[in-house]
């Protein structure tokens, strides 16, 4: 019996597995992730110590912010532990092997052209011109 109407149970074996649609957000707090995964926050904090792939960022005040990738990793960890019956060590190894096989190819460069020495010198000259113009504007404003 789920408290949140977003959960829909399907039967797999003897256990009901919630199918969750992850909201379209950039960051999630630990309470939100806890509700989505139907686990306690202390379990998520423990998993952070056991699974190196699960590393949420922390704010200056120490609050955890999970990205979508982290939330998906949590669902995978939960599936491995509770449905597949893996131990923590086994789940860690399974995640390591699946992440290597499912890894995305390296990000392509933003610019397709390579800059040679002449191109870099041109950029350097333009930046110096901009710096000169900016320094002239500050001198004029200081004189006024």
C-alpha atoms as a PDB file:
ATOM      1  CA  UNK A   1       0.000   0.000   0.000  1.00  0.00           C
ATOM      2  CA  UNK A   2       1.738   3.113  -1.193  1.00  0.00           C
ATOM      3  CA  UNK A   3       1.221   6.528   0.274  1.00  0.00           C
ATOM      4  CA  UNK A   4       2.066   8.199  -3.000  1.00  0.00           C
ATOM      5  CA  UNK A   5      -0.245   7.701  -6.003  1.00  0.00           C
ATOM      6  CA  UNK A   6       2.769   7.782  -8.357  1.00  0.00           C
ATOM      7  CA  UNK A   7       3.592   4.205  -7.363  1.00  0.00           C
ATOM      8  CA  UNK A   8       2.088   1.326  -9.260  1.00  0.00           C
ATOM      9  CA  UNK A   9       2.805  -2.178  -8.043  1.00  0.00           C
ATOM     10  CA  UNK A  10       3.512  -5.091 -10.322  1.00  0.00           C
ATOM     11  CA  UNK A  11       4.028  -8.624  -9.137  1.00  0.00           C
ATOM     12  CA  UNK A  12       7.424 -10.248  -9.590  1.00  0.00           C
ATOM     13  CA  UNK A  13       7.667 -13.431  -7.655  1.00  0.00           C
ATOM     14  CA  UNK A  14       6.354 -12.869  -4.138  1.00  0.00           C
ATOM     15  CA  UNK A  15       7.263  -9.198  -3.869  1.00  0.00           C
ATOM     16  CA  UNK A  16       5.448  -6.165  -5.199  1.00  0.00           C
ATOM     17  CA  UNK A  17       7.860  -3.874  -7.028  1.00  0.00           C
ATOM     18  CA  UNK A  18       6.899  -0.232  -7.360  1.00  0.00           C
ATOM     19  CA  UNK A  19       7.294   1.249 -10.799  1.00  0.00           C
ATOM     20  CA  UNK A  20       8.264   4.839 -10.240  1.00  0.00           C
ATOM     21  CA  UNK A  21       8.362   7.716 -12.631  1.00  0.00           C
ATOM     22  CA  UNK A  22      11.188   9.978 -11.540  1.00  0.00           C
ATOM     23  CA  UNK A  23      10.106  13.630 -11.666  1.00  0.00           C
ATOM     24  CA  UNK A  24      11.814  15.812 -14.245  1.00  0.00           C
ATOM     25  CA  UNK A  25      14.112  17.718 -11.877  1.00  0.00           C
ATOM     26  CA  UNK A  26      17.841  18.335 -11.738  1.00  0.00           C
ATOM     27  CA  UNK A  27      18.352  17.773  -8.007  1.00  0.00           C
ATOM     28  CA  UNK A  28      16.499  15.806  -5.351  1.00  0.00           C
ATOM     29  CA  UNK A  29      16.832  16.055  -1.573  1.00  0.00           C
ATOM     30  CA  UNK A  30      17.309  12.928   0.491  1.00  0.00           C
ATOM     31  CA  UNK A  31      13.697  13.004   1.711  1.00  0.00           C
ATOM     32  CA  UNK A  32      12.370  13.054  -1.852  1.00  0.00           C
ATOM     33  CA  UNK A  33      14.636  10.196  -2.889  1.00  0.00           C
ATOM     34  CA  UNK A  34      13.651   8.282   0.232  1.00  0.00           C
ATOM     35  CA  UNK A  35       9.973   8.581  -0.691  1.00  0.00           C
ATOM     36  CA  UNK A  36      10.576   7.650  -4.324  1.00  0.00           C
ATOM     37  CA  UNK A  37      12.631   4.578  -3.413  1.00  0.00           C
ATOM     38  CA  UNK A  38      10.467   3.749  -0.401  1.00  0.00           C
ATOM     39  CA  UNK A  39      13.501   3.430   1.851  1.00  0.00           C
ATOM     40  CA  UNK A  40      14.607   5.246   4.977  1.00  0.00           C
ATOM     41  CA  UNK A  41      17.121   8.111   4.647  1.00  0.00           C
ATOM     42  CA  UNK A  42      19.635   6.283   6.853  1.00  0.00           C
ATOM     43  CA  UNK A  43      19.631   3.415   4.336  1.00  0.00           C
ATOM     44  CA  UNK A  44      20.511   5.834   1.548  1.00  0.00           C
ATOM     45  CA  UNK A  45      23.327   7.315   3.648  1.00  0.00           C
ATOM     46  CA  UNK A  46      24.624   3.810   4.330  1.00  0.00           C
ATOM     47  CA  UNK A  47      24.524   2.925   0.645  1.00  0.00           C
ATOM     48  CA  UNK A  48      26.619   6.032  -0.065  1.00  0.00           C
ATOM     49  CA  UNK A  49      29.386   4.546   2.092  1.00  0.00           C
ATOM     50  CA  UNK A  50      29.158   1.136   0.420  1.00  0.00           C
ATOM     51  CA  UNK A  51      28.717   2.005  -3.256  1.00  0.00           C
ATOM     52  CA  UNK A  52      31.350   4.284  -4.818  1.00  0.00           C
ATOM     53  CA  UNK A  53      29.082   5.041  -7.792  1.00  0.00           C
ATOM     54  CA  UNK A  54      26.594   6.733  -5.454  1.00  0.00           C
ATOM     55  CA  UNK A  55      28.019  10.156  -4.611  1.00  0.00           C
ATOM     56  CA  UNK A  56      25.462  12.930  -4.165  1.00  0.00           C
ATOM     57  CA  UNK A  57      26.741  16.472  -4.034  1.00  0.00           C
ATOM     58  CA  UNK A  58      26.420  18.379  -0.794  1.00  0.00           C
ATOM     59  CA  UNK A  59      25.439  21.981  -0.269  1.00  0.00           C
ATOM     60  CA  UNK A  60      27.451  24.338   1.934  1.00  0.00           C
ATOM     61  CA  UNK A  61      25.104  23.465   4.769  1.00  0.00           C
ATOM     62  CA  UNK A  62      25.707  19.720   4.274  1.00  0.00           C
ATOM     63  CA  UNK A  63      22.385  18.798   2.653  1.00  0.00           C
ATOM     64  CA  UNK A  64      22.634  16.020   0.093  1.00  0.00           C
ATOM     65  CA  UNK A  65      21.514  16.739  -3.449  1.00  0.00           C
ATOM     66  CA  UNK A  66      20.991  13.686  -5.623  1.00  0.00           C
ATOM     67  CA  UNK A  67      21.063  13.939  -9.405  1.00  0.00           C
ATOM     68  CA  UNK A  68      18.812  11.858 -11.635  1.00  0.00           C
ATOM     69  CA  UNK A  69      21.697   9.452 -12.274  1.00  0.00           C
ATOM     70  CA  UNK A  70      22.072   8.966  -8.498  1.00  0.00           C
ATOM     71  CA  UNK A  71      18.349   8.236  -8.136  1.00  0.00           C
ATOM     72  CA  UNK A  72      18.522   5.676 -10.939  1.00  0.00           C
ATOM     73  CA  UNK A  73      21.548   4.094  -9.238  1.00  0.00           C
ATOM     74  CA  UNK A  74      19.568   3.876  -5.989  1.00  0.00           C
ATOM     75  CA  UNK A  75      16.754   2.031  -7.762  1.00  0.00           C
ATOM     76  CA  UNK A  76      19.282  -0.349  -9.284  1.00  0.00           C
ATOM     77  CA  UNK A  77      20.918  -0.967  -5.885  1.00  0.00           C
ATOM     78  CA  UNK A  78      17.523  -1.598  -4.328  1.00  0.00           C
ATOM     79  CA  UNK A  79      16.600  -4.035  -7.088  1.00  0.00           C
ATOM     80  CA  UNK A  80      19.869  -5.934  -6.738  1.00  0.00           C
ATOM     81  CA  UNK A  81      19.628  -6.166  -2.955  1.00  0.00           C
ATOM     82  CA  UNK A  82      15.941  -6.811  -2.414  1.00  0.00           C
ATOM     83  CA  UNK A  83      14.753  -8.544  -5.588  1.00  0.00           C
ATOM     84  CA  UNK A  84      17.832 -10.332  -6.879  1.00  0.00           C
ATOM     85  CA  UNK A  85      19.121 -11.241  -3.404  1.00  0.00           C
ATOM     86  CA  UNK A  86      22.660  -9.929  -3.851  1.00  0.00           C
ATOM     87  CA  UNK A  87      24.839  -9.120  -0.861  1.00  0.00           C
ATOM     88  CA  UNK A  88      26.255  -5.601  -0.576  1.00  0.00           C
ATOM     89  CA  UNK A  89      29.576  -6.821  -1.971  1.00  0.00           C
ATOM     90  CA  UNK A  90      27.891  -8.729  -4.791  1.00  0.00           C
ATOM     91  CA  UNK A  91      25.692  -5.764  -5.689  1.00  0.00           C
ATOM     92  CA  UNK A  92      28.758  -3.486  -5.730  1.00  0.00           C
ATOM     93  CA  UNK A  93      30.539  -5.854  -8.137  1.00  0.00           C
ATOM     94  CA  UNK A  94      27.421  -6.198 -10.290  1.00  0.00           C
ATOM     95  CA  UNK A  95      27.075  -2.415 -10.532  1.00  0.00           C
ATOM     96  CA  UNK A  96      30.732  -2.109 -11.483  1.00  0.00           C
ATOM     97  CA  UNK A  97      30.389  -4.631 -14.310  1.00  0.00           C
ATOM     98  CA  UNK A  98      27.113  -3.233 -15.640  1.00  0.00           C
ATOM     99  CA  UNK A  99      28.371   0.334 -15.513  1.00  0.00           C
ATOM    100  CA  UNK A 100      31.403  -0.657 -17.589  1.00  0.00           C
ATOM    101  CA  UNK A 101      29.297  -2.452 -20.191  1.00  0.00           C
ATOM    102  CA  UNK A 102      26.630   0.279 -20.310  1.00  0.00           C
ATOM    103  CA  UNK A 103      29.029   3.187 -20.178  1.00  0.00           C
ATOM    104  CA  UNK A 104      28.379   5.884 -22.693  1.00  0.00           C
ATOM    105  CA  UNK A 105      31.143   6.745 -25.122  1.00  0.00           C
ATOM    106  CA  UNK A 106      33.311   9.657 -24.169  1.00  0.00           C
ATOM    107  CA  UNK A 107      31.767  13.036 -24.715  1.00  0.00           C
ATOM    108  CA  UNK A 108      32.559  14.463 -28.097  1.00  0.00           C
ATOM    109  CA  UNK A 109      34.397  17.751 -28.155  1.00  0.00           C
ATOM    110  CA  UNK A 110      32.272  20.864 -28.261  1.00  0.00           C
ATOM    111  CA  UNK A 111      34.197  22.273 -31.219  1.00  0.00           C
ATOM    112  CA  UNK A 112      35.187  20.063 -34.087  1.00  0.00           C
ATOM    113  CA  UNK A 113      38.147  22.122 -35.246  1.00  0.00           C
ATOM    114  CA  UNK A 114      41.539  21.932 -33.662  1.00  0.00           C
ATOM    115  CA  UNK A 115      43.300  25.162 -33.010  1.00  0.00           C
ATOM    116  CA  UNK A 116      46.849  25.441 -34.196  1.00  0.00           C
ATOM    117  CA  UNK A 117      49.396  27.952 -32.938  1.00  0.00           C
ATOM    118  CA  UNK A 118      48.162  30.668 -35.308  1.00  0.00           C
ATOM    119  CA  UNK A 119      44.558  30.266 -34.118  1.00  0.00           C
ATOM    120  CA  UNK A 120      45.626  30.510 -30.493  1.00  0.00           C
ATOM    121  CA  UNK A 121      47.657  33.646 -31.208  1.00  0.00           C
ATOM    122  CA  UNK A 122      44.640  35.217 -32.899  1.00  0.00           C
ATOM    123  CA  UNK A 123      42.472  34.502 -29.836  1.00  0.00           C
ATOM    124  CA  UNK A 124      45.178  35.860 -27.558  1.00  0.00           C
ATOM    125  CA  UNK A 125      45.390  39.077 -29.599  1.00  0.00           C
ATOM    126  CA  UNK A 126      41.599  39.526 -29.502  1.00  0.00           C
ATOM    127  CA  UNK A 127      41.537  39.026 -25.750  1.00  0.00           C
ATOM    128  CA  UNK A 128      44.291  41.608 -25.304  1.00  0.00           C
ATOM    129  CA  UNK A 129      42.297  44.083 -27.419  1.00  0.00           C
ATOM    130  CA  UNK A 130      39.242  43.513 -25.244  1.00  0.00           C
ATOM    131  CA  UNK A 131      41.332  43.975 -22.110  1.00  0.00           C
ATOM    132  CA  UNK A 132      42.739  47.245 -23.491  1.00  0.00           C
ATOM    133  CA  UNK A 133      39.251  48.541 -24.281  1.00  0.00           C
ATOM    134  CA  UNK A 134      38.022  47.624 -20.814  1.00  0.00           C
ATOM    135  CA  UNK A 135      40.968  49.294 -19.116  1.00  0.00           C
ATOM    136  CA  UNK A 136      40.341  52.498 -21.130  1.00  0.00           C
ATOM    137  CA  UNK A 137      36.690  52.562 -20.024  1.00  0.00           C
ATOM    138  CA  UNK A 138      37.635  52.231 -16.366  1.00  0.00           C
ATOM    139  CA  UNK A 139      40.226  55.011 -16.723  1.00  0.00           C
ATOM    140  CA  UNK A 140      37.644  57.353 -18.279  1.00  0.00           C
ATOM    141  CA  UNK A 141      35.116  56.602 -15.529  1.00  0.00           C
ATOM    142  CA  UNK A 142      37.689  57.196 -12.796  1.00  0.00           C
ATOM    143  CA  UNK A 143      38.579  60.608 -14.281  1.00  0.00           C
ATOM    144  CA  UNK A 144      34.945  61.771 -14.302  1.00  0.00           C
END
